[in-house]
């Protein structure tokens, strides 16, 4: 099982703060999982999750698209960080 967390404006745009999804070996990287989730949910989900500036983390560490994932991992999606 993969635990998926959504934070701040992403949570608001998608209308949920988390999901649990049965792990599938076809999604062996963060990018593959993100593409799957965007395709499965479509519409607003695809627009939000495929944005270039989204920050992704695996097991509480910032991750690149090529980061390998596995059963039991936690994947989090954060909006871009801004500040002054």
N, C-alpha and C. Protein backbone atom coordinates (compact mmCIF):
# COMPACT_ATOMS: atom_id res chain seq x y z
N UNK A 1 0.85 -1.18 0.00
CA UNK A 1 0.00 0.00 0.00
C UNK A 1 0.90 1.24 0.00
N UNK A 2 0.51 2.23 -0.79
CA UNK A 2 1.21 3.51 -0.85
C UNK A 2 0.30 4.54 -0.17
N UNK A 3 0.86 5.30 0.74
CA UNK A 3 0.12 6.39 1.36
C UNK A 3 0.49 7.66 0.61
N UNK A 4 -0.52 8.40 0.17
CA UNK A 4 -0.31 9.62 -0.60
C UNK A 4 -0.88 10.79 0.19
N UNK A 5 -0.07 11.82 0.37
CA UNK A 5 -0.47 13.01 1.12
C UNK A 5 -0.45 14.23 0.23
N UNK A 6 -1.42 15.12 0.44
CA UNK A 6 -1.50 16.37 -0.31
C UNK A 6 -1.53 17.53 0.69
N UNK A 7 -0.74 18.56 0.43
CA UNK A 7 -0.62 19.67 1.37
C UNK A 7 -1.05 21.00 0.77
N UNK A 8 -1.49 21.89 1.64
CA UNK A 8 -1.80 23.29 1.36
C UNK A 8 -2.74 23.44 0.16
N UNK A 9 -2.37 24.25 -0.81
CA UNK A 9 -3.28 24.53 -1.93
C UNK A 9 -3.57 23.29 -2.77
N UNK A 10 -2.66 22.34 -2.80
CA UNK A 10 -2.93 21.09 -3.55
C UNK A 10 -4.09 20.35 -2.89
N UNK A 11 -4.06 20.26 -1.58
CA UNK A 11 -5.14 19.62 -0.83
C UNK A 11 -6.47 20.31 -1.13
N UNK A 12 -6.46 21.62 -1.15
CA UNK A 12 -7.68 22.39 -1.42
C UNK A 12 -8.18 22.16 -2.84
N UNK A 13 -7.28 22.17 -3.81
CA UNK A 13 -7.67 21.99 -5.21
C UNK A 13 -8.21 20.59 -5.48
N UNK A 14 -7.66 19.58 -4.82
CA UNK A 14 -8.08 18.20 -5.07
C UNK A 14 -9.20 17.74 -4.14
N UNK A 15 -9.44 18.49 -3.08
CA UNK A 15 -10.53 18.16 -2.17
C UNK A 15 -10.25 16.98 -1.26
N UNK A 16 -8.99 16.65 -1.06
CA UNK A 16 -8.64 15.56 -0.15
C UNK A 16 -7.23 15.79 0.40
N UNK A 17 -6.99 15.24 1.58
CA UNK A 17 -5.65 15.39 2.15
C UNK A 17 -4.83 14.12 2.04
N UNK A 18 -5.47 12.99 1.70
CA UNK A 18 -4.69 11.75 1.60
C UNK A 18 -5.45 10.67 0.83
N UNK A 19 -4.69 9.70 0.36
CA UNK A 19 -5.22 8.51 -0.30
C UNK A 19 -4.36 7.32 0.13
N UNK A 20 -4.92 6.14 0.05
CA UNK A 20 -4.14 4.91 0.18
C UNK A 20 -4.40 4.11 -1.08
N UNK A 21 -3.33 3.74 -1.76
CA UNK A 21 -3.45 3.05 -3.04
C UNK A 21 -2.60 1.78 -3.00
N UNK A 22 -3.19 0.69 -3.45
CA UNK A 22 -2.47 -0.58 -3.52
C UNK A 22 -1.27 -0.43 -4.45
N UNK A 23 -0.10 -0.82 -3.98
CA UNK A 23 1.12 -0.68 -4.78
C UNK A 23 1.06 -1.57 -6.02
N UNK A 24 1.58 -1.05 -7.13
CA UNK A 24 1.68 -1.79 -8.37
C UNK A 24 3.11 -1.62 -8.89
N UNK A 25 3.77 -2.67 -9.22
CA UNK A 25 5.17 -2.62 -9.66
C UNK A 25 5.38 -1.80 -10.92
N UNK A 26 4.32 -1.51 -11.68
CA UNK A 26 4.46 -0.66 -12.87
C UNK A 26 4.85 0.77 -12.49
N UNK A 27 4.54 1.18 -11.26
CA UNK A 27 4.89 2.52 -10.81
C UNK A 27 6.12 2.41 -9.95
N UNK A 28 7.25 2.24 -10.57
CA UNK A 28 8.48 2.03 -9.82
C UNK A 28 9.23 3.32 -9.50
N UNK A 29 8.74 4.45 -10.00
CA UNK A 29 9.35 5.75 -9.71
C UNK A 29 8.27 6.77 -9.35
N UNK A 30 8.71 7.86 -8.77
CA UNK A 30 7.78 8.95 -8.43
C UNK A 30 7.08 9.45 -9.69
N UNK A 31 7.82 9.61 -10.78
CA UNK A 31 7.23 10.09 -12.03
C UNK A 31 6.17 9.14 -12.56
N UNK A 32 6.45 7.85 -12.56
CA UNK A 32 5.49 6.87 -13.05
C UNK A 32 4.23 6.87 -12.18
N UNK A 33 4.40 6.98 -10.87
CA UNK A 33 3.25 7.02 -9.98
C UNK A 33 2.42 8.28 -10.21
N UNK A 34 3.10 9.42 -10.37
CA UNK A 34 2.40 10.68 -10.60
C UNK A 34 1.61 10.62 -11.90
N UNK A 35 2.22 10.09 -12.95
CA UNK A 35 1.53 9.94 -14.23
C UNK A 35 0.30 9.03 -14.10
N UNK A 36 0.45 7.93 -13.37
CA UNK A 36 -0.67 7.02 -13.14
C UNK A 36 -1.81 7.75 -12.43
N UNK A 37 -1.50 8.44 -11.34
CA UNK A 37 -2.52 9.11 -10.55
C UNK A 37 -3.22 10.19 -11.36
N UNK A 38 -2.46 10.94 -12.14
CA UNK A 38 -3.04 11.99 -12.99
C UNK A 38 -3.96 11.38 -14.05
N UNK A 39 -3.55 10.27 -14.66
CA UNK A 39 -4.37 9.63 -15.69
C UNK A 39 -5.62 8.98 -15.09
N UNK A 40 -5.45 8.35 -13.94
CA UNK A 40 -6.59 7.67 -13.31
C UNK A 40 -7.66 8.66 -12.86
N UNK A 41 -7.24 9.79 -12.28
CA UNK A 41 -8.18 10.77 -11.74
C UNK A 41 -8.59 11.83 -12.76
N UNK A 42 -7.72 12.11 -13.73
CA UNK A 42 -8.02 13.05 -14.81
C UNK A 42 -8.28 14.48 -14.35
N UNK A 43 -8.75 15.29 -15.28
CA UNK A 43 -9.18 16.67 -15.03
C UNK A 43 -8.27 17.48 -14.14
N UNK A 44 -8.84 17.99 -13.06
CA UNK A 44 -8.13 18.84 -12.11
C UNK A 44 -6.91 18.13 -11.52
N UNK A 45 -7.03 16.84 -11.27
CA UNK A 45 -5.91 16.08 -10.71
C UNK A 45 -4.71 16.12 -11.65
N UNK A 46 -4.95 15.89 -12.93
CA UNK A 46 -3.86 15.92 -13.91
C UNK A 46 -3.23 17.30 -13.97
N UNK A 47 -4.07 18.32 -14.01
CA UNK A 47 -3.56 19.70 -14.08
C UNK A 47 -2.69 20.03 -12.88
N UNK A 48 -3.13 19.66 -11.69
CA UNK A 48 -2.40 19.99 -10.46
C UNK A 48 -1.14 19.14 -10.31
N UNK A 49 -1.26 17.83 -10.46
CA UNK A 49 -0.13 16.94 -10.18
C UNK A 49 0.97 16.98 -11.24
N UNK A 50 0.62 17.38 -12.46
CA UNK A 50 1.62 17.42 -13.52
C UNK A 50 2.26 18.80 -13.70
N UNK A 51 1.91 19.74 -12.85
CA UNK A 51 2.52 21.08 -12.92
C UNK A 51 4.02 20.95 -12.67
N UNK A 52 4.80 21.74 -13.39
CA UNK A 52 6.26 21.68 -13.30
C UNK A 52 6.82 22.04 -11.93
N UNK A 53 6.11 22.86 -11.17
CA UNK A 53 6.67 23.39 -9.94
C UNK A 53 6.23 22.65 -8.67
N UNK A 54 5.55 21.53 -8.81
CA UNK A 54 5.12 20.75 -7.65
C UNK A 54 6.33 20.09 -7.00
N UNK A 55 6.36 20.12 -5.68
CA UNK A 55 7.43 19.45 -4.93
C UNK A 55 6.91 18.10 -4.45
N UNK A 56 7.72 17.08 -4.66
CA UNK A 56 7.32 15.72 -4.27
C UNK A 56 8.32 15.20 -3.25
N UNK A 57 7.81 14.41 -2.31
CA UNK A 57 8.68 13.80 -1.31
C UNK A 57 8.31 12.33 -1.16
N UNK A 58 9.32 11.51 -0.89
CA UNK A 58 9.12 10.09 -0.61
C UNK A 58 9.68 9.84 0.78
N UNK A 59 8.82 9.32 1.64
CA UNK A 59 9.21 9.03 3.02
C UNK A 59 9.86 10.24 3.69
N UNK A 60 9.23 11.40 3.47
CA UNK A 60 9.59 12.67 4.10
C UNK A 60 10.93 13.24 3.64
N UNK A 61 11.37 12.85 2.44
CA UNK A 61 12.57 13.43 1.84
C UNK A 61 12.23 13.89 0.43
N UNK A 62 12.60 15.12 0.10
CA UNK A 62 12.33 15.65 -1.24
C UNK A 62 12.89 14.68 -2.27
N UNK A 63 12.09 14.44 -3.32
CA UNK A 63 12.46 13.42 -4.31
C UNK A 63 12.37 13.97 -5.73
N UNK A 64 13.19 13.41 -6.59
CA UNK A 64 13.14 13.68 -8.03
C UNK A 64 12.19 12.67 -8.67
N UNK A 65 11.82 12.92 -9.91
CA UNK A 65 10.94 12.01 -10.64
C UNK A 65 11.49 10.60 -10.78
N UNK A 66 12.82 10.49 -10.82
CA UNK A 66 13.45 9.19 -11.00
C UNK A 66 13.62 8.41 -9.69
N UNK A 67 13.20 8.99 -8.57
CA UNK A 67 13.31 8.31 -7.27
C UNK A 67 12.49 7.04 -7.28
N UNK A 68 13.09 5.94 -6.90
CA UNK A 68 12.42 4.63 -6.88
C UNK A 68 11.49 4.56 -5.67
N UNK A 69 10.29 4.02 -5.89
CA UNK A 69 9.33 3.82 -4.81
C UNK A 69 8.98 2.35 -4.68
N UNK A 70 8.44 2.01 -3.53
CA UNK A 70 8.05 0.62 -3.29
C UNK A 70 6.86 0.54 -2.35
N UNK A 71 6.40 -0.68 -2.16
CA UNK A 71 5.26 -0.94 -1.29
C UNK A 71 5.57 -0.42 0.11
N UNK A 72 4.62 0.29 0.70
CA UNK A 72 4.79 0.83 2.05
C UNK A 72 5.32 2.24 2.10
N UNK A 73 5.69 2.80 0.95
CA UNK A 73 6.22 4.17 0.93
C UNK A 73 5.12 5.20 1.11
N UNK A 74 5.54 6.39 1.52
CA UNK A 74 4.66 7.54 1.62
C UNK A 74 5.12 8.55 0.59
N UNK A 75 4.20 9.02 -0.24
CA UNK A 75 4.50 10.02 -1.25
C UNK A 75 3.68 11.26 -0.93
N UNK A 76 4.35 12.40 -0.89
CA UNK A 76 3.67 13.65 -0.56
C UNK A 76 3.85 14.66 -1.70
N UNK A 77 2.82 15.45 -1.91
CA UNK A 77 2.84 16.50 -2.94
C UNK A 77 2.63 17.85 -2.25
N UNK A 78 3.56 18.78 -2.53
CA UNK A 78 3.55 20.11 -1.93
C UNK A 78 3.50 21.16 -3.04
N UNK A 79 2.83 22.28 -2.79
CA UNK A 79 2.89 23.39 -3.75
C UNK A 79 4.27 24.02 -3.69
N UNK A 80 4.61 24.83 -4.70
CA UNK A 80 5.91 25.50 -4.66
C UNK A 80 6.02 26.39 -3.43
N UNK A 81 7.22 26.51 -2.92
CA UNK A 81 7.48 27.34 -1.74
C UNK A 81 7.73 28.77 -2.20
N UNK A 82 7.06 29.70 -1.54
CA UNK A 82 7.29 31.12 -1.83
C UNK A 82 7.63 31.83 -0.54
N UNK A 83 8.19 32.95 -0.67
CA UNK A 83 8.52 33.71 0.53
C UNK A 83 9.18 35.01 0.17
N UNK A 84 9.52 35.74 1.18
CA UNK A 84 10.09 37.04 0.89
C UNK A 84 11.31 37.32 1.72
